[in-house]
C-alpha atoms as a PDB file:
ATOM      1  CA  UNK A   1       8.933  22.849 -24.182  1.00  0.00           C
ATOM      2  CA  UNK A   2      10.659  19.536 -24.858  1.00  0.00           C
ATOM      3  CA  UNK A   3       9.809  16.736 -22.442  1.00  0.00           C
ATOM      4  CA  UNK A   4      12.521  15.985 -19.915  1.00  0.00           C
ATOM      5  CA  UNK A   5      14.627  12.945 -20.784  1.00  0.00           C
ATOM      6  CA  UNK A   6      15.981  10.350 -18.396  1.00  0.00           C
ATOM      7  CA  UNK A   7      19.321   8.582 -18.719  1.00  0.00           C
ATOM      8  CA  UNK A   8      18.897   4.928 -19.659  1.00  0.00           C
ATOM      9  CA  UNK A   9      21.453   2.657 -17.996  1.00  0.00           C
ATOM     10  CA  UNK A  10      22.418  -0.992 -17.850  1.00  0.00           C
ATOM     11  CA  UNK A  11      22.747  -2.959 -14.608  1.00  0.00           C
ATOM     12  CA  UNK A  12      26.271  -1.527 -14.119  1.00  0.00           C
ATOM     13  CA  UNK A  13      24.904   2.060 -14.239  1.00  0.00           C
ATOM     14  CA  UNK A  14      26.575   2.661 -17.606  1.00  0.00           C
ATOM     15  CA  UNK A  15      24.676   5.117 -19.813  1.00  0.00           C
ATOM     16  CA  UNK A  16      23.133   3.443 -22.871  1.00  0.00           C
ATOM     17  CA  UNK A  17      20.818   6.181 -24.125  1.00  0.00           C
ATOM     18  CA  UNK A  18      18.195   8.813 -23.375  1.00  0.00           C
ATOM     19  CA  UNK A  19      14.398   8.545 -23.387  1.00  0.00           C
ATOM     20  CA  UNK A  20      11.516  10.903 -22.604  1.00  0.00           C
ATOM     21  CA  UNK A  21      10.619  10.493 -18.904  1.00  0.00           C
ATOM     22  CA  UNK A  22       6.988   9.449 -19.442  1.00  0.00           C
ATOM     23  CA  UNK A  23       7.951   6.873 -22.081  1.00  0.00           C
ATOM     24  CA  UNK A  24      10.555   5.350 -19.714  1.00  0.00           C
ATOM     25  CA  UNK A  25       7.913   5.071 -16.985  1.00  0.00           C
ATOM     26  CA  UNK A  26       5.308   3.641 -19.381  1.00  0.00           C
ATOM     27  CA  UNK A  27       7.753   1.002 -20.677  1.00  0.00           C
ATOM     28  CA  UNK A  28       9.418   0.330 -17.281  1.00  0.00           C
ATOM     29  CA  UNK A  29      12.879   0.898 -18.793  1.00  0.00           C
ATOM     30  CA  UNK A  30      15.829   0.980 -16.382  1.00  0.00           C
ATOM     31  CA  UNK A  31      17.051   4.554 -15.888  1.00  0.00           C
ATOM     32  CA  UNK A  32      19.223   6.555 -13.497  1.00  0.00           C
ATOM     33  CA  UNK A  33      17.657   8.352 -10.536  1.00  0.00           C
ATOM     34  CA  UNK A  34      18.576   9.789  -7.155  1.00  0.00           C
ATOM     35  CA  UNK A  35      16.956  10.084  -3.740  1.00  0.00           C
ATOM     36  CA  UNK A  36      18.000  12.784  -1.281  1.00  0.00           C
ATOM     37  CA  UNK A  37      17.804  12.141   2.463  1.00  0.00           C
ATOM     38  CA  UNK A  38      18.306  15.274   4.584  1.00  0.00           C
ATOM     39  CA  UNK A  39      18.914  14.892   8.323  1.00  0.00           C
ATOM     40  CA  UNK A  40      19.122  17.397  11.154  1.00  0.00           C
ATOM     41  CA  UNK A  41      21.468  17.250  14.166  1.00  0.00           C
ATOM     42  CA  UNK A  42      18.883  15.162  16.074  1.00  0.00           C
ATOM     43  CA  UNK A  43      19.253  12.528  13.314  1.00  0.00           C
ATOM     44  CA  UNK A  44      15.684  13.148  12.162  1.00  0.00           C
ATOM     45  CA  UNK A  45      14.829  12.718   8.480  1.00  0.00           C
ATOM     46  CA  UNK A  46      13.108  15.521   6.559  1.00  0.00           C
ATOM     47  CA  UNK A  47      10.104  13.997   4.771  1.00  0.00           C
ATOM     48  CA  UNK A  48       8.033  15.688   2.110  1.00  0.00           C
ATOM     49  CA  UNK A  49       4.415  15.135   1.201  1.00  0.00           C
ATOM     50  CA  UNK A  50       4.040  15.191  -2.576  1.00  0.00           C
ATOM     51  CA  UNK A  51       1.806  17.895  -4.023  1.00  0.00           C
ATOM     52  CA  UNK A  52      -1.736  16.846  -4.937  1.00  0.00           C
ATOM     53  CA  UNK A  53      -1.138  17.820  -8.595  1.00  0.00           C
ATOM     54  CA  UNK A  54       1.657  15.273  -9.163  1.00  0.00           C
ATOM     55  CA  UNK A  55       0.991  12.771 -11.983  1.00  0.00           C
ATOM     56  CA  UNK A  56       1.644   9.829  -9.679  1.00  0.00           C
ATOM     57  CA  UNK A  57       1.639   9.298  -5.918  1.00  0.00           C
ATOM     58  CA  UNK A  58       0.007  12.667  -5.098  1.00  0.00           C
ATOM     59  CA  UNK A  59      -0.337  13.445  -1.400  1.00  0.00           C
ATOM     60  CA  UNK A  60       1.932  10.602  -0.280  1.00  0.00           C
ATOM     61  CA  UNK A  61       4.912  11.020   2.047  1.00  0.00           C
ATOM     62  CA  UNK A  62       8.416  10.338   0.757  1.00  0.00           C
ATOM     63  CA  UNK A  63      12.081  11.190   1.271  1.00  0.00           C
ATOM     64  CA  UNK A  64      13.274  14.812   1.193  1.00  0.00           C
ATOM     65  CA  UNK A  65      13.368  14.897  -2.609  1.00  0.00           C
ATOM     66  CA  UNK A  66      14.118  12.700  -5.587  1.00  0.00           C
ATOM     67  CA  UNK A  67      14.265  12.914  -9.346  1.00  0.00           C
ATOM     68  CA  UNK A  68      16.369  12.042 -12.362  1.00  0.00           C
ATOM     69  CA  UNK A  69      19.809  13.212 -13.394  1.00  0.00           C
ATOM     70  CA  UNK A  70      20.031  15.168 -16.616  1.00  0.00           C
ATOM     71  CA  UNK A  71      22.441  14.170 -19.360  1.00  0.00           C
ATOM     72  CA  UNK A  72      25.957  15.219 -18.300  1.00  0.00           C
ATOM     73  CA  UNK A  73      24.924  16.018 -14.719  1.00  0.00           C
ATOM     74  CA  UNK A  74      26.576  14.279 -11.751  1.00  0.00           C
ATOM     75  CA  UNK A  75      24.511  12.689  -8.987  1.00  0.00           C
ATOM     76  CA  UNK A  76      25.521  15.467  -6.576  1.00  0.00           C
ATOM     77  CA  UNK A  77      24.751  18.266  -9.076  1.00  0.00           C
ATOM     78  CA  UNK A  78      21.337  16.724  -9.767  1.00  0.00           C
ATOM     79  CA  UNK A  79      20.570  16.311  -6.063  1.00  0.00           C
ATOM     80  CA  UNK A  80      21.455  19.930  -5.294  1.00  0.00           C
ATOM     81  CA  UNK A  81      19.417  21.197  -8.266  1.00  0.00           C
ATOM     82  CA  UNK A  82      16.312  19.287  -7.263  1.00  0.00           C
ATOM     83  CA  UNK A  83      16.692  20.090  -3.565  1.00  0.00           C
ATOM     84  CA  UNK A  84      16.583  23.790  -4.471  1.00  0.00           C
ATOM     85  CA  UNK A  85      13.672  23.316  -6.924  1.00  0.00           C
ATOM     86  CA  UNK A  86      11.512  21.372  -4.462  1.00  0.00           C
ATOM     87  CA  UNK A  87      12.604  22.378  -0.958  1.00  0.00           C
ATOM     88  CA  UNK A  88      14.182  25.823  -1.490  1.00  0.00           C
ATOM     89  CA  UNK A  89      17.641  25.169  -0.037  1.00  0.00           C
ATOM     90  CA  UNK A  90      20.982  23.630  -0.973  1.00  0.00           C
ATOM     91  CA  UNK A  91      23.469  21.800   1.244  1.00  0.00           C
ATOM     92  CA  UNK A  92      26.538  19.674   0.666  1.00  0.00           C
ATOM     93  CA  UNK A  93      25.535  16.165  -0.328  1.00  0.00           C
ATOM     94  CA  UNK A  94      27.486  12.939  -0.236  1.00  0.00           C
ATOM     95  CA  UNK A  95      26.816   9.696  -2.033  1.00  0.00           C
ATOM     96  CA  UNK A  96      25.705   6.698   0.005  1.00  0.00           C
ATOM     97  CA  UNK A  97      24.311   3.439  -1.377  1.00  0.00           C
ATOM     98  CA  UNK A  98      22.934   2.728  -4.845  1.00  0.00           C
ATOM     99  CA  UNK A  99      20.775  -0.122  -6.115  1.00  0.00           C
ATOM    100  CA  UNK A 100      18.161  -1.130  -8.694  1.00  0.00           C
ATOM    101  CA  UNK A 101      14.475  -1.303  -7.833  1.00  0.00           C
ATOM    102  CA  UNK A 102      11.171  -1.604  -9.658  1.00  0.00           C
ATOM    103  CA  UNK A 103       7.883  -0.168  -8.363  1.00  0.00           C
ATOM    104  CA  UNK A 104       4.639  -0.265 -10.395  1.00  0.00           C
ATOM    105  CA  UNK A 105       1.883   2.321  -9.834  1.00  0.00           C
ATOM    106  CA  UNK A 106      -1.901   2.066 -10.066  1.00  0.00           C
ATOM    107  CA  UNK A 107      -1.908   4.376 -13.106  1.00  0.00           C
ATOM    108  CA  UNK A 108       0.069   1.923 -15.279  1.00  0.00           C
ATOM    109  CA  UNK A 109       3.435   3.670 -14.883  1.00  0.00           C
ATOM    110  CA  UNK A 110       6.466   1.908 -13.376  1.00  0.00           C
ATOM    111  CA  UNK A 111       9.584   3.242 -11.724  1.00  0.00           C
ATOM    112  CA  UNK A 112      12.496   1.016 -12.771  1.00  0.00           C
ATOM    113  CA  UNK A 113      15.502   2.851 -11.495  1.00  0.00           C
ATOM    114  CA  UNK A 114      19.171   2.604 -10.717  1.00  0.00           C
ATOM    115  CA  UNK A 115      18.844   4.823  -7.648  1.00  0.00           C
ATOM    116  CA  UNK A 116      21.657   6.751  -5.963  1.00  0.00           C
ATOM    117  CA  UNK A 117      20.972   7.736  -2.329  1.00  0.00           C
ATOM    118  CA  UNK A 118      22.440  11.141  -1.423  1.00  0.00           C
ATOM    119  CA  UNK A 119      22.795  12.370   2.167  1.00  0.00           C
ATOM    120  CA  UNK A 120      22.933  15.866   3.613  1.00  0.00           C
ATOM    121  CA  UNK A 121      22.409  17.842   6.811  1.00  0.00           C
ATOM    122  CA  UNK A 122      20.172  20.878   7.382  1.00  0.00           C
ATOM    123  CA  UNK A 123      18.832  22.585  10.481  1.00  0.00           C
ATOM    124  CA  UNK A 124      16.288  25.113   9.180  1.00  0.00           C
ATOM    125  CA  UNK A 125      12.825  25.064   7.666  1.00  0.00           C
ATOM    126  CA  UNK A 126      12.604  24.536   3.914  1.00  0.00           C
ATOM    127  CA  UNK A 127      10.896  27.028   1.602  1.00  0.00           C
ATOM    128  CA  UNK A 128       8.769  24.477  -0.242  1.00  0.00           C
ATOM    129  CA  UNK A 129       7.683  24.798  -3.859  1.00  0.00           C
ATOM    130  CA  UNK A 130       3.892  24.284  -3.603  1.00  0.00           C
ATOM    131  CA  UNK A 131       3.823  22.922  -7.201  1.00  0.00           C
ATOM    132  CA  UNK A 132       5.968  20.015  -5.992  1.00  0.00           C
ATOM    133  CA  UNK A 133       5.443  19.705  -2.241  1.00  0.00           C
ATOM    134  CA  UNK A 134       2.255  19.883  -0.147  1.00  0.00           C
ATOM    135  CA  UNK A 135       3.927  19.700   3.271  1.00  0.00           C
ATOM    136  CA  UNK A 136       7.028  18.523   5.127  1.00  0.00           C
ATOM    137  CA  UNK A 137       8.095  17.260   8.571  1.00  0.00           C
ATOM    138  CA  UNK A 138      11.041  15.918  10.553  1.00  0.00           C
ATOM    139  CA  UNK A 139      10.775  12.308  11.764  1.00  0.00           C
ATOM    140  CA  UNK A 140      13.144  10.060  13.703  1.00  0.00           C
ATOM    141  CA  UNK A 141      14.383   7.111  11.625  1.00  0.00           C
ATOM    142  CA  UNK A 142      12.824   4.520  13.944  1.00  0.00           C
ATOM    143  CA  UNK A 143       9.498   6.406  13.876  1.00  0.00           C
ATOM    144  CA  UNK A 144       9.549   6.327  10.063  1.00  0.00           C
ATOM    145  CA  UNK A 145      10.190   2.565  10.150  1.00  0.00           C
ATOM    146  CA  UNK A 146       7.231   1.986  12.501  1.00  0.00           C
ATOM    147  CA  UNK A 147       4.897   4.357  10.637  1.00  0.00           C
ATOM    148  CA  UNK A 148       5.610   2.696   7.280  1.00  0.00           C
ATOM    149  CA  UNK A 149       4.729  -0.709   8.780  1.00  0.00           C
ATOM    150  CA  UNK A 150       1.508   0.624  10.373  1.00  0.00           C
ATOM    151  CA  UNK A 151       0.418   2.966   7.538  1.00  0.00           C
ATOM    152  CA  UNK A 152       2.117   1.815   4.301  1.00  0.00           C
ATOM    153  CA  UNK A 153      -0.614   3.469   2.212  1.00  0.00           C
ATOM    154  CA  UNK A 154       0.631   6.924   3.327  1.00  0.00           C
ATOM    155  CA  UNK A 155       4.062   6.484   1.669  1.00  0.00           C
ATOM    156  CA  UNK A 156       5.305   6.329  -1.926  1.00  0.00           C
ATOM    157  CA  UNK A 157       6.160   2.877  -3.242  1.00  0.00           C
ATOM    158  CA  UNK A 158       9.753   3.836  -4.022  1.00  0.00           C
ATOM    159  CA  UNK A 159      10.297   5.372  -0.583  1.00  0.00           C
ATOM    160  CA  UNK A 160       9.238   2.125   1.117  1.00  0.00           C
ATOM    161  CA  UNK A 161      11.747   0.174  -0.997  1.00  0.00           C
ATOM    162  CA  UNK A 162      14.529   2.739  -0.652  1.00  0.00           C
ATOM    163  CA  UNK A 163      13.947   3.243   3.071  1.00  0.00           C
ATOM    164  CA  UNK A 164      14.235  -0.515   3.722  1.00  0.00           C
ATOM    165  CA  UNK A 165      17.556  -0.652   1.831  1.00  0.00           C
ATOM    166  CA  UNK A 166      18.791   2.509   3.540  1.00  0.00           C
ATOM    167  CA  UNK A 167      17.635   1.362   7.014  1.00  0.00           C
ATOM    168  CA  UNK A 168      19.446  -1.930   6.538  1.00  0.00           C
ATOM    169  CA  UNK A 169      22.579  -0.007   5.460  1.00  0.00           C
ATOM    170  CA  UNK A 170      22.601   2.400   8.440  1.00  0.00           C
ATOM    171  CA  UNK A 171      22.077  -0.473  10.874  1.00  0.00           C
ATOM    172  CA  UNK A 172      25.043  -2.346   9.366  1.00  0.00           C
ATOM    173  CA  UNK A 173      27.169   0.839   9.419  1.00  0.00           C
ATOM    174  CA  UNK A 174      26.433   1.646  13.065  1.00  0.00           C
END
């Protein structure tokens, strides 16, 4: 099976090429990504704990799901695909903020992504894919903020960056 490729972009999110995912993470090349944030009617965020078999950040808590768009796939299409693959459900998603971030890992890989935050609403329990997800939970936004500051080692590097940007955005919007 051919290795999945990520979409290389410039700082305006214009596609400039494709590269195997591992190579992009080894070389810290800027590429397109998305992060899905699913909320319930109590305005709680669905968090997932990454499966222990993941090649980076195993066992850490993060947003509902995230990944990379495939060539020719919209942000929304990609978000819905990955939500089904990881969490076992699909909902309508809408685009929120987007920004560039860089997060190095202990294993020598680096996420350097033009990330698109996608939002959705769901009220039921997910049917998690155990290859991808170890566990999940609902958490109030303010509780997430506090827990990240008290226990940063329990969360993925990208989630801490993305959550700060997102938290700042929702506080400005409200």
